Structures are given as C-alpha cells and as structure tokens.
All heavy atoms as atom14 arrays in JSON, in Angstrom:
{
  "sequence": "ALTVIVDLLEKYGQGGNCMESHMAFTYHNSFLIADRKEAWVLETSG",
  "atom14_mask": [
    [1, 1, 1, 1, 1, 0, 0, 0, 0, 0, 0, 0, 0, 0],
    [1, 1, 1, 1, 1, 1, 1, 1, 0, 0, 0, 0, 0, 0],
    [1, 1, 1, 1, 1, 1, 1, 0, 0, 0, 0, 0, 0, 0],
    [1, 1, 1, 1, 1, 1, 1, 0, 0, 0, 0, 0, 0, 0],
    [1, 1, 1, 1, 1, 1, 1, 1, 0, 0, 0, 0, 0, 0],
    [1, 1, 1, 1, 1, 1, 1, 0, 0, 0, 0, 0, 0, 0],
    [1, 1, 1, 1, 1, 1, 1, 1, 0, 0, 0, 0, 0, 0],
    [1, 1, 1, 1, 1, 1, 1, 1, 0, 0, 0, 0, 0, 0],
    [1, 1, 1, 1, 1, 1, 1, 1, 0, 0, 0, 0, 0, 0],
    [1, 1, 1, 1, 1, 1, 1, 1, 1, 0, 0, 0, 0, 0],
    [1, 1, 1, 1, 1, 1, 1, 1, 1, 0, 0, 0, 0, 0],
    [1, 1, 1, 1, 1, 1, 1, 1, 1, 1, 1, 1, 0, 0],
    [1, 1, 1, 1, 0, 0, 0, 0, 0, 0, 0, 0, 0, 0],
    [1, 1, 1, 1, 1, 1, 1, 1, 1, 0, 0, 0, 0, 0],
    [1, 1, 1, 1, 0, 0, 0, 0, 0, 0, 0, 0, 0, 0],
    [1, 1, 1, 1, 0, 0, 0, 0, 0, 0, 0, 0, 0, 0],
    [1, 1, 1, 1, 1, 1, 1, 1, 0, 0, 0, 0, 0, 0],
    [1, 1, 1, 1, 1, 1, 0, 0, 0, 0, 0, 0, 0, 0],
    [1, 1, 1, 1, 1, 1, 1, 1, 0, 0, 0, 0, 0, 0],
    [1, 1, 1, 1, 1, 1, 1, 1, 1, 0, 0, 0, 0, 0],
    [1, 1, 1, 1, 1, 1, 0, 0, 0, 0, 0, 0, 0, 0],
    [1, 1, 1, 1, 1, 1, 1, 1, 1, 1, 0, 0, 0, 0],
    [1, 1, 1, 1, 1, 1, 1, 1, 0, 0, 0, 0, 0, 0],
    [1, 1, 1, 1, 1, 0, 0, 0, 0, 0, 0, 0, 0, 0],
    [1, 1, 1, 1, 1, 1, 1, 1, 1, 1, 1, 0, 0, 0],
    [1, 1, 1, 1, 1, 1, 1, 0, 0, 0, 0, 0, 0, 0],
    [1, 1, 1, 1, 1, 1, 1, 1, 1, 1, 1, 1, 0, 0],
    [1, 1, 1, 1, 1, 1, 1, 1, 1, 1, 0, 0, 0, 0],
    [1, 1, 1, 1, 1, 1, 1, 1, 0, 0, 0, 0, 0, 0],
    [1, 1, 1, 1, 1, 1, 0, 0, 0, 0, 0, 0, 0, 0],
    [1, 1, 1, 1, 1, 1, 1, 1, 1, 1, 1, 0, 0, 0],
    [1, 1, 1, 1, 1, 1, 1, 1, 0, 0, 0, 0, 0, 0],
    [1, 1, 1, 1, 1, 1, 1, 1, 0, 0, 0, 0, 0, 0],
    [1, 1, 1, 1, 1, 0, 0, 0, 0, 0, 0, 0, 0, 0],
    [1, 1, 1, 1, 1, 1, 1, 1, 0, 0, 0, 0, 0, 0],
    [1, 1, 1, 1, 1, 1, 1, 1, 1, 1, 1, 0, 0, 0],
    [1, 1, 1, 1, 1, 1, 1, 1, 1, 0, 0, 0, 0, 0],
    [1, 1, 1, 1, 1, 1, 1, 1, 1, 0, 0, 0, 0, 0],
    [1, 1, 1, 1, 1, 0, 0, 0, 0, 0, 0, 0, 0, 0],
    [1, 1, 1, 1, 1, 1, 1, 1, 1, 1, 1, 1, 1, 1],
    [1, 1, 1, 1, 1, 1, 1, 0, 0, 0, 0, 0, 0, 0],
    [1, 1, 1, 1, 1, 1, 1, 1, 0, 0, 0, 0, 0, 0],
    [1, 1, 1, 1, 1, 1, 1, 1, 1, 0, 0, 0, 0, 0],
    [1, 1, 1, 1, 1, 1, 1, 0, 0, 0, 0, 0, 0, 0],
    [1, 1, 1, 1, 1, 1, 0, 0, 0, 0, 0, 0, 0, 0],
    [1, 1, 1, 1, 0, 0, 0, 0, 0, 0, 0, 0, 0, 0]
  ],
  "atom14_positions": [
    [[0.87, -1.13, -0.02], [0.06, -0.07, 0.04], [0.9, 1.31, -0.04], [0.61, 2.25, -0.72], [-1.04, 0.02, 1.16], [0.0, 0.0, 0.0], [0.0, 0.0, 0.0], [0.0, 0.0, 0.0], [0.0, 0.0, 0.0], [0.0, 0.0, 0.0], [0.0, 0.0, 0.0], [0.0, 0.0, 0.0], [0.0, 0.0, 0.0], [0.0, 0.0, 0.0]],
    [[1.95, 1.21, 0.75], [2.89, 2.36, 0.81], [3.41, 2.57, -0.69], [3.48, 3.64, -1.11], [4.11, 2.04, 1.75], [5.03, 3.1, 1.96], [5.67, 2.97, 3.31], [6.2, 3.05, 0.88], [0.0, 0.0, 0.0], [0.0, 0.0, 0.0], [0.0, 0.0, 0.0], [0.0, 0.0, 0.0], [0.0, 0.0, 0.0], [0.0, 0.0, 0.0]],
    [[3.79, 1.49, -1.34], [4.26, 1.61, -2.72], [3.2, 2.16, -3.69], [3.48, 3.03, -4.49], [4.72, 0.14, -3.24], [5.84, -0.22, -2.36], [5.27, 0.31, -4.58], [0.0, 0.0, 0.0], [0.0, 0.0, 0.0], [0.0, 0.0, 0.0], [0.0, 0.0, 0.0], [0.0, 0.0, 0.0], [0.0, 0.0, 0.0], [0.0, 0.0, 0.0]],
    [[1.95, 1.71, -3.53], [0.87, 2.31, -4.34], [0.72, 3.78, -4.11], [0.73, 4.5, -5.02], [-0.44, 1.68, -4.01], [-1.57, 2.38, -4.56], [-0.53, 0.17, -4.45], [0.0, 0.0, 0.0], [0.0, 0.0, 0.0], [0.0, 0.0, 0.0], [0.0, 0.0, 0.0], [0.0, 0.0, 0.0], [0.0, 0.0, 0.0], [0.0, 0.0, 0.0]],
    [[0.87, 4.19, -2.87], [0.66, 5.59, -2.54], [1.82, 6.48, -3.0], [1.68, 7.49, -3.8], [0.49, 5.86, -1.04], [-0.78, 5.18, -0.53], [0.6, 7.37, -0.72], [-0.89, 5.19, 0.98], [0.0, 0.0, 0.0], [0.0, 0.0, 0.0], [0.0, 0.0, 0.0], [0.0, 0.0, 0.0], [0.0, 0.0, 0.0], [0.0, 0.0, 0.0]],
    [[3.12, 6.04, -2.93], [4.19, 6.74, -3.48], [4.28, 6.76, -4.95], [4.73, 7.73, -5.58], [5.6, 6.4, -2.81], [5.48, 6.65, -1.26], [6.06, 4.91, -3.13], [0.0, 0.0, 0.0], [0.0, 0.0, 0.0], [0.0, 0.0, 0.0], [0.0, 0.0, 0.0], [0.0, 0.0, 0.0], [0.0, 0.0, 0.0], [0.0, 0.0, 0.0]],
    [[3.9, 5.69, -5.59], [3.83, 5.58, -7.03], [2.76, 6.66, -7.51], [3.05, 7.38, -8.49], [3.46, 4.29, -7.64], [4.62, 3.27, -7.43], [5.76, 3.64, -7.08], [4.41, 2.11, -7.59], [0.0, 0.0, 0.0], [0.0, 0.0, 0.0], [0.0, 0.0, 0.0], [0.0, 0.0, 0.0], [0.0, 0.0, 0.0], [0.0, 0.0, 0.0]],
    [[1.61, 6.74, -6.93], [0.66, 7.77, -7.39], [1.15, 9.18, -7.01], [0.82, 10.08, -7.8], [-0.76, 7.52, -6.59], [-1.45, 6.21, -7.01], [-2.58, 5.83, -5.92], [-2.0, 6.37, -8.37], [0.0, 0.0, 0.0], [0.0, 0.0, 0.0], [0.0, 0.0, 0.0], [0.0, 0.0, 0.0], [0.0, 0.0, 0.0], [0.0, 0.0, 0.0]],
    [[1.73, 9.39, -5.96], [2.32, 10.61, -5.55], [3.28, 11.1, -6.67], [3.3, 12.31, -7.11], [3.03, 10.65, -4.22], [3.78, 11.81, -3.77], [2.62, 12.98, -3.5], [4.37, 11.56, -2.47], [0.0, 0.0, 0.0], [0.0, 0.0, 0.0], [0.0, 0.0, 0.0], [0.0, 0.0, 0.0], [0.0, 0.0, 0.0], [0.0, 0.0, 0.0]],
    [[4.24, 10.25, -7.14], [5.22, 10.49, -8.2], [4.49, 10.84, -9.55], [4.88, 11.75, -10.19], [6.12, 9.31, -8.41], [7.17, 9.5, -9.38], [8.26, 10.53, -8.99], [8.51, 10.64, -7.82], [8.87, 11.15, -9.86], [0.0, 0.0, 0.0], [0.0, 0.0, 0.0], [0.0, 0.0, 0.0], [0.0, 0.0, 0.0], [0.0, 0.0, 0.0]],
    [[3.42, 10.11, -9.8], [2.68, 10.34, -11.09], [1.89, 11.54, -11.07], [1.9, 12.36, -12.04], [1.93, 9.02, -11.46], [1.33, 9.16, -12.8], [0.64, 7.81, -13.17], [0.07, 7.81, -14.61], [-0.48, 6.54, -14.99], [0.0, 0.0, 0.0], [0.0, 0.0, 0.0], [0.0, 0.0, 0.0], [0.0, 0.0, 0.0], [0.0, 0.0, 0.0]],
    [[1.12, 11.73, -10.06], [0.07, 12.85, -10.01], [0.41, 14.0, -9.04], [-0.28, 15.04, -9.2], [-1.35, 12.3, -9.6], [-1.74, 11.25, -10.57], [-1.7, 9.87, -10.32], [-2.18, 11.54, -11.84], [-2.07, 8.89, -11.09], [-2.64, 10.68, -12.86], [-2.6, 9.25, -12.43], [-2.97, 8.42, -13.38], [0.0, 0.0, 0.0], [0.0, 0.0, 0.0]],
    [[1.33, 13.81, -8.11], [1.67, 14.82, -7.15], [0.53, 14.98, -6.17], [-0.42, 14.19, -6.12], [0.0, 0.0, 0.0], [0.0, 0.0, 0.0], [0.0, 0.0, 0.0], [0.0, 0.0, 0.0], [0.0, 0.0, 0.0], [0.0, 0.0, 0.0], [0.0, 0.0, 0.0], [0.0, 0.0, 0.0], [0.0, 0.0, 0.0], [0.0, 0.0, 0.0]],
    [[0.62, 16.05, -5.34], [-0.53, 16.45, -4.38], [-1.14, 17.65, -4.79], [-0.53, 18.45, -5.43], [0.29, 16.69, -2.93], [0.81, 15.29, -2.35], [1.27, 15.48, -0.97], [0.35, 15.73, -0.12], [2.54, 15.37, -0.75], [0.0, 0.0, 0.0], [0.0, 0.0, 0.0], [0.0, 0.0, 0.0], [0.0, 0.0, 0.0], [0.0, 0.0, 0.0]],
    [[-2.29, 17.85, -4.4], [-2.95, 19.03, -4.7], [-4.45, 19.08, -4.34], [-4.91, 17.96, -3.86], [0.0, 0.0, 0.0], [0.0, 0.0, 0.0], [0.0, 0.0, 0.0], [0.0, 0.0, 0.0], [0.0, 0.0, 0.0], [0.0, 0.0, 0.0], [0.0, 0.0, 0.0], [0.0, 0.0, 0.0], [0.0, 0.0, 0.0], [0.0, 0.0, 0.0]],
    [[-5.07, 20.12, -4.62], [-6.57, 20.17, -4.29], [-6.67, 20.83, -3.0], [-5.85, 20.77, -2.04], [0.0, 0.0, 0.0], [0.0, 0.0, 0.0], [0.0, 0.0, 0.0], [0.0, 0.0, 0.0], [0.0, 0.0, 0.0], [0.0, 0.0, 0.0], [0.0, 0.0, 0.0], [0.0, 0.0, 0.0], [0.0, 0.0, 0.0], [0.0, 0.0, 0.0]],
    [[-7.8, 21.59, -2.96], [-8.13, 22.32, -1.81], [-8.7, 21.34, -0.65], [-9.43, 20.49, -0.92], [-9.14, 23.43, -2.03], [-9.16, 24.53, -1.04], [-8.5, 24.56, -0.1], [-9.98, 25.52, -1.33], [0.0, 0.0, 0.0], [0.0, 0.0, 0.0], [0.0, 0.0, 0.0], [0.0, 0.0, 0.0], [0.0, 0.0, 0.0], [0.0, 0.0, 0.0]],
    [[-8.25, 21.63, 0.6], [-8.7, 20.83, 1.61], [-9.97, 21.42, 2.28], [-10.47, 20.78, 3.21], [-7.69, 20.8, 2.73], [-6.07, 20.1, 2.13], [0.0, 0.0, 0.0], [0.0, 0.0, 0.0], [0.0, 0.0, 0.0], [0.0, 0.0, 0.0], [0.0, 0.0, 0.0], [0.0, 0.0, 0.0], [0.0, 0.0, 0.0], [0.0, 0.0, 0.0]],
    [[-10.52, 22.4, 1.73], [-11.73, 23.03, 2.36], [-12.66, 23.22, 1.3], [-12.35, 23.44, 0.06], [-11.44, 24.35, 3.03], [-10.39, 24.25, 4.19], [-10.1, 25.72, 4.96], [-11.66, 26.05, 5.83], [0.0, 0.0, 0.0], [0.0, 0.0, 0.0], [0.0, 0.0, 0.0], [0.0, 0.0, 0.0], [0.0, 0.0, 0.0], [0.0, 0.0, 0.0]],
    [[-13.99, 23.23, 1.61], [-15.1, 23.44, 0.57], [-15.27, 24.88, 0.31], [-15.82, 25.31, -0.63], [-16.43, 22.81, 1.21], [-16.3, 21.3, 1.08], [-17.61, 20.6, 1.57], [-18.59, 21.37, 1.83], [-17.54, 19.39, 1.77], [0.0, 0.0, 0.0], [0.0, 0.0, 0.0], [0.0, 0.0, 0.0], [0.0, 0.0, 0.0], [0.0, 0.0, 0.0]],
    [[-14.76, 25.76, 1.28], [-14.91, 27.28, 1.09], [-13.94, 27.79, -0.08], [-13.13, 26.93, -0.62], [-14.6, 28.01, 2.41], [-13.25, 27.92, 2.53], [0.0, 0.0, 0.0], [0.0, 0.0, 0.0], [0.0, 0.0, 0.0], [0.0, 0.0, 0.0], [0.0, 0.0, 0.0], [0.0, 0.0, 0.0], [0.0, 0.0, 0.0], [0.0, 0.0, 0.0]],
    [[-14.07, 28.93, -0.36], [-13.19, 29.56, -1.41], [-11.75, 29.78, -0.92], [-10.93, 30.16, -1.69], [-13.85, 30.83, -1.91], [-15.14, 30.59, -2.63], [-15.19, 29.91, -3.87], [-16.37, 30.83, -2.31], [-16.49, 29.79, -4.17], [-17.28, 30.44, -3.28], [0.0, 0.0, 0.0], [0.0, 0.0, 0.0], [0.0, 0.0, 0.0], [0.0, 0.0, 0.0]],
    [[-11.49, 29.73, 0.42], [-10.21, 30.0, 0.93], [-9.38, 28.76, 0.43], [-9.69, 27.57, 0.59], [-10.28, 29.94, 2.46], [-8.96, 30.2, 2.97], [-9.05, 30.33, 4.9], [-8.77, 28.66, 5.33], [0.0, 0.0, 0.0], [0.0, 0.0, 0.0], [0.0, 0.0, 0.0], [0.0, 0.0, 0.0], [0.0, 0.0, 0.0], [0.0, 0.0, 0.0]],
    [[-8.05, 29.09, 0.03], [-7.29, 28.06, -0.52], [-6.45, 27.56, 0.69], [-5.87, 28.3, 1.39], [-6.25, 28.68, -1.63], [0.0, 0.0, 0.0], [0.0, 0.0, 0.0], [0.0, 0.0, 0.0], [0.0, 0.0, 0.0], [0.0, 0.0, 0.0], [0.0, 0.0, 0.0], [0.0, 0.0, 0.0], [0.0, 0.0, 0.0], [0.0, 0.0, 0.0]],
    [[-6.59, 26.23, 0.91], [-5.84, 25.68, 1.95], [-5.42, 24.28, 1.54], [-6.29, 23.33, 1.28], [-6.73, 25.61, 3.22], [-6.06, 24.8, 4.36], [-5.02, 25.54, 5.13], [-6.36, 23.58, 4.75], [-4.45, 24.77, 6.13], [-5.92, 22.96, 5.88], [-4.85, 23.61, 6.58], [0.0, 0.0, 0.0], [0.0, 0.0, 0.0], [0.0, 0.0, 0.0]],
    [[-4.06, 23.98, 1.47], [-3.59, 22.74, 1.02], [-2.5, 22.37, 1.96], [-1.88, 23.24, 2.72], [-3.02, 22.75, -0.41], [-1.99, 23.74, -0.43], [-4.07, 23.1, -1.5], [0.0, 0.0, 0.0], [0.0, 0.0, 0.0], [0.0, 0.0, 0.0], [0.0, 0.0, 0.0], [0.0, 0.0, 0.0], [0.0, 0.0, 0.0], [0.0, 0.0, 0.0]],
    [[-2.12, 21.09, 2.13], [-1.06, 20.61, 2.87], [-0.52, 19.34, 2.36], [-1.12, 18.77, 1.43], [-1.41, 20.49, 4.37], [-2.64, 19.56, 4.7], [-2.36, 18.2, 4.8], [-3.83, 20.02, 4.76], [-3.45, 17.3, 4.98], [-5.08, 19.1, 5.05], [-4.72, 17.79, 5.09], [-5.69, 16.95, 5.4], [0.0, 0.0, 0.0], [0.0, 0.0, 0.0]],
    [[0.58, 18.93, 2.84], [1.21, 17.59, 2.55], [0.72, 16.53, 3.51], [0.42, 16.79, 4.64], [2.8, 17.75, 2.6], [3.24, 18.9, 1.78], [3.25, 18.89, 0.4], [3.61, 20.18, 2.14], [3.8, 19.98, -0.09], [4.0, 20.74, 0.99], [0.0, 0.0, 0.0], [0.0, 0.0, 0.0], [0.0, 0.0, 0.0], [0.0, 0.0, 0.0]],
    [[0.51, 15.44, 3.02], [-0.13, 14.36, 3.76], [0.82, 13.4, 4.43], [1.97, 13.12, 4.06], [-1.04, 13.56, 2.79], [-2.22, 14.37, 2.37], [-3.1, 14.6, 3.15], [-2.13, 14.93, 1.16], [0.0, 0.0, 0.0], [0.0, 0.0, 0.0], [0.0, 0.0, 0.0], [0.0, 0.0, 0.0], [0.0, 0.0, 0.0], [0.0, 0.0, 0.0]],
    [[0.35, 12.72, 5.52], [1.03, 11.76, 6.25], [0.07, 10.57, 6.31], [-1.12, 10.75, 6.41], [1.41, 12.24, 7.72], [2.32, 13.28, 7.53], [0.0, 0.0, 0.0], [0.0, 0.0, 0.0], [0.0, 0.0, 0.0], [0.0, 0.0, 0.0], [0.0, 0.0, 0.0], [0.0, 0.0, 0.0], [0.0, 0.0, 0.0], [0.0, 0.0, 0.0]],
    [[0.67, 9.41, 6.44], [-0.23, 8.12, 6.5], [0.25, 7.28, 7.55], [1.46, 6.98, 7.66], [-0.26, 7.62, 5.15], [-0.68, 8.32, 4.0], [0.25, 9.11, 3.38], [-1.95, 8.36, 3.66], [-0.1, 9.85, 2.28], [-2.31, 9.06, 2.53], [-1.4, 9.92, 1.89], [0.0, 0.0, 0.0], [0.0, 0.0, 0.0], [0.0, 0.0, 0.0]],
    [[-0.57, 6.58, 8.35], [-0.29, 5.41, 9.11], [-0.82, 4.18, 8.35], [-2.09, 4.23, 7.98], [-0.98, 5.49, 10.52], [-0.55, 6.49, 11.47], [-1.38, 6.55, 12.69], [0.89, 6.23, 11.91], [0.0, 0.0, 0.0], [0.0, 0.0, 0.0], [0.0, 0.0, 0.0], [0.0, 0.0, 0.0], [0.0, 0.0, 0.0], [0.0, 0.0, 0.0]],
    [[-0.11, 3.3, 7.95], [-0.45, 2.19, 7.16], [-0.08, 0.8, 7.91], [1.05, 0.65, 8.26], [0.33, 2.23, 5.8], [0.2, 3.56, 5.04], [-0.14, 1.04, 4.83], [1.23, 3.73, 3.97], [0.0, 0.0, 0.0], [0.0, 0.0, 0.0], [0.0, 0.0, 0.0], [0.0, 0.0, 0.0], [0.0, 0.0, 0.0], [0.0, 0.0, 0.0]],
    [[-1.11, 0.05, 8.02], [-0.83, -1.2, 8.89], [-1.64, -2.34, 8.3], [-2.65, -2.26, 7.71], [-1.29, -0.91, 10.26], [0.0, 0.0, 0.0], [0.0, 0.0, 0.0], [0.0, 0.0, 0.0], [0.0, 0.0, 0.0], [0.0, 0.0, 0.0], [0.0, 0.0, 0.0], [0.0, 0.0, 0.0], [0.0, 0.0, 0.0], [0.0, 0.0, 0.0]],
    [[-1.02, -3.58, 8.41], [-1.77, -4.78, 8.24], [-1.56, -5.63, 9.38], [-1.05, -5.17, 10.48], [-1.31, -5.48, 6.86], [0.21, -5.81, 6.94], [0.78, -6.12, 7.99], [0.78, -5.8, 5.82], [0.0, 0.0, 0.0], [0.0, 0.0, 0.0], [0.0, 0.0, 0.0], [0.0, 0.0, 0.0], [0.0, 0.0, 0.0], [0.0, 0.0, 0.0]],
    [[-1.84, -6.87, 9.45], [-1.7, -7.77, 10.57], [-0.33, -8.07, 11.01], [-0.1, -8.38, 12.2], [-2.34, -9.19, 10.26], [-3.83, -9.22, 10.15], [-4.19, -10.55, 9.74], [-5.64, -10.75, 9.39], [-6.64, -11.15, 10.3], [-6.29, -11.48, 11.42], [-7.85, -11.24, 9.83], [0.0, 0.0, 0.0], [0.0, 0.0, 0.0], [0.0, 0.0, 0.0]],
    [[0.66, -7.78, 10.12], [2.07, -8.13, 10.43], [3.04, -7.04, 10.56], [4.06, -7.08, 11.19], [2.57, -9.05, 9.37], [1.91, -10.38, 9.31], [2.5, -11.37, 8.34], [1.74, -12.65, 8.51], [1.77, -13.43, 7.33], [0.0, 0.0, 0.0], [0.0, 0.0, 0.0], [0.0, 0.0, 0.0], [0.0, 0.0, 0.0], [0.0, 0.0, 0.0]],
    [[2.73, -5.87, 9.99], [3.54, -4.67, 10.02], [2.76, -3.3, 9.85], [1.7, -3.33, 9.45], [4.66, -4.83, 9.0], [4.19, -4.65, 7.56], [5.33, -4.89, 6.5], [6.47, -5.15, 6.92], [5.12, -4.71, 5.36], [0.0, 0.0, 0.0], [0.0, 0.0, 0.0], [0.0, 0.0, 0.0], [0.0, 0.0, 0.0], [0.0, 0.0, 0.0]],
    [[3.56, -2.31, 10.24], [2.98, -0.88, 10.07], [4.02, 0.02, 9.65], [5.3, -0.21, 9.96], [2.47, -0.53, 11.53], [0.0, 0.0, 0.0], [0.0, 0.0, 0.0], [0.0, 0.0, 0.0], [0.0, 0.0, 0.0], [0.0, 0.0, 0.0], [0.0, 0.0, 0.0], [0.0, 0.0, 0.0], [0.0, 0.0, 0.0], [0.0, 0.0, 0.0]],
    [[3.57, 0.98, 8.95], [4.51, 2.03, 8.38], [3.97, 3.34, 8.61], [2.72, 3.68, 8.67], [4.63, 1.82, 6.81], [5.38, 0.63, 6.45], [5.0, -0.6, 6.36], [6.74, 0.64, 5.99], [5.97, -1.44, 5.93], [7.09, -0.76, 5.78], [7.77, 1.6, 5.91], [8.32, -1.12, 5.25], [9.05, 1.15, 5.46], [9.35, -0.11, 5.14]],
    [[4.84, 4.37, 8.81], [4.57, 5.67, 8.77], [5.04, 6.36, 7.4], [6.24, 6.22, 7.18], [5.06, 6.61, 9.98], [4.79, 7.98, 9.82], [4.59, 6.01, 11.25], [0.0, 0.0, 0.0], [0.0, 0.0, 0.0], [0.0, 0.0, 0.0], [0.0, 0.0, 0.0], [0.0, 0.0, 0.0], [0.0, 0.0, 0.0], [0.0, 0.0, 0.0]],
    [[4.3, 6.94, 6.65], [4.75, 7.59, 5.45], [4.32, 9.11, 5.54], [3.22, 9.49, 5.87], [3.86, 7.01, 4.2], [4.06, 7.7, 2.95], [5.42, 7.76, 2.38], [3.03, 7.21, 1.87], [0.0, 0.0, 0.0], [0.0, 0.0, 0.0], [0.0, 0.0, 0.0], [0.0, 0.0, 0.0], [0.0, 0.0, 0.0], [0.0, 0.0, 0.0]],
    [[5.4, 9.91, 5.31], [5.14, 11.35, 5.33], [5.74, 11.95, 4.11], [6.66, 11.49, 3.44], [5.91, 11.95, 6.56], [5.25, 11.44, 7.85], [5.95, 11.97, 9.0], [7.15, 12.33, 9.04], [5.36, 12.03, 10.09], [0.0, 0.0, 0.0], [0.0, 0.0, 0.0], [0.0, 0.0, 0.0], [0.0, 0.0, 0.0], [0.0, 0.0, 0.0]],
    [[4.93, 13.0, 3.56], [5.33, 13.53, 2.31], [5.53, 15.08, 2.31], [5.13, 15.7, 3.31], [4.18, 13.31, 1.29], [2.99, 14.08, 1.75], [3.83, 11.87, 1.18], [0.0, 0.0, 0.0], [0.0, 0.0, 0.0], [0.0, 0.0, 0.0], [0.0, 0.0, 0.0], [0.0, 0.0, 0.0], [0.0, 0.0, 0.0], [0.0, 0.0, 0.0]],
    [[6.29, 15.54, 1.35], [6.57, 16.89, 1.18], [6.59, 17.15, -0.37], [7.63, 16.85, -1.01], [7.82, 17.4, 1.81], [8.1, 18.77, 1.58], [0.0, 0.0, 0.0], [0.0, 0.0, 0.0], [0.0, 0.0, 0.0], [0.0, 0.0, 0.0], [0.0, 0.0, 0.0], [0.0, 0.0, 0.0], [0.0, 0.0, 0.0], [0.0, 0.0, 0.0]],
    [[5.49, 17.75, -0.89], [5.43, 17.68, -2.42], [5.53, 16.16, -2.91], [4.78, 15.35, -2.47], [0.0, 0.0, 0.0], [0.0, 0.0, 0.0], [0.0, 0.0, 0.0], [0.0, 0.0, 0.0], [0.0, 0.0, 0.0], [0.0, 0.0, 0.0], [0.0, 0.0, 0.0], [0.0, 0.0, 0.0], [0.0, 0.0, 0.0], [0.0, 0.0, 0.0]]
  ]
}
C-alpha cells in the first residue's frame, strides 16, 4: 500500500483544496499504514 501511494504521488503529485470554502488551503499528507504483520508511517513533502 505504501508503494501504491508513493507511485501515485510520483505520477500525480499532491494538490486540491482541503476546504469546501473559497479559501485556498492545502497541505502535505502523512499516513499510518498497517496490516496484521507490520506498520509504516509515510510522510510527504510535495
């Protein structure tokens, strides 16, 4: 799942407003990714 996310990040980047209002508000995302056997923290910047 981590690989899927970083591959999509490389292909499409990050973007899009985080609010429904007209105020522009964006940020970089972080993820907690876990299955039955292991867990990962993924943090992004662009």
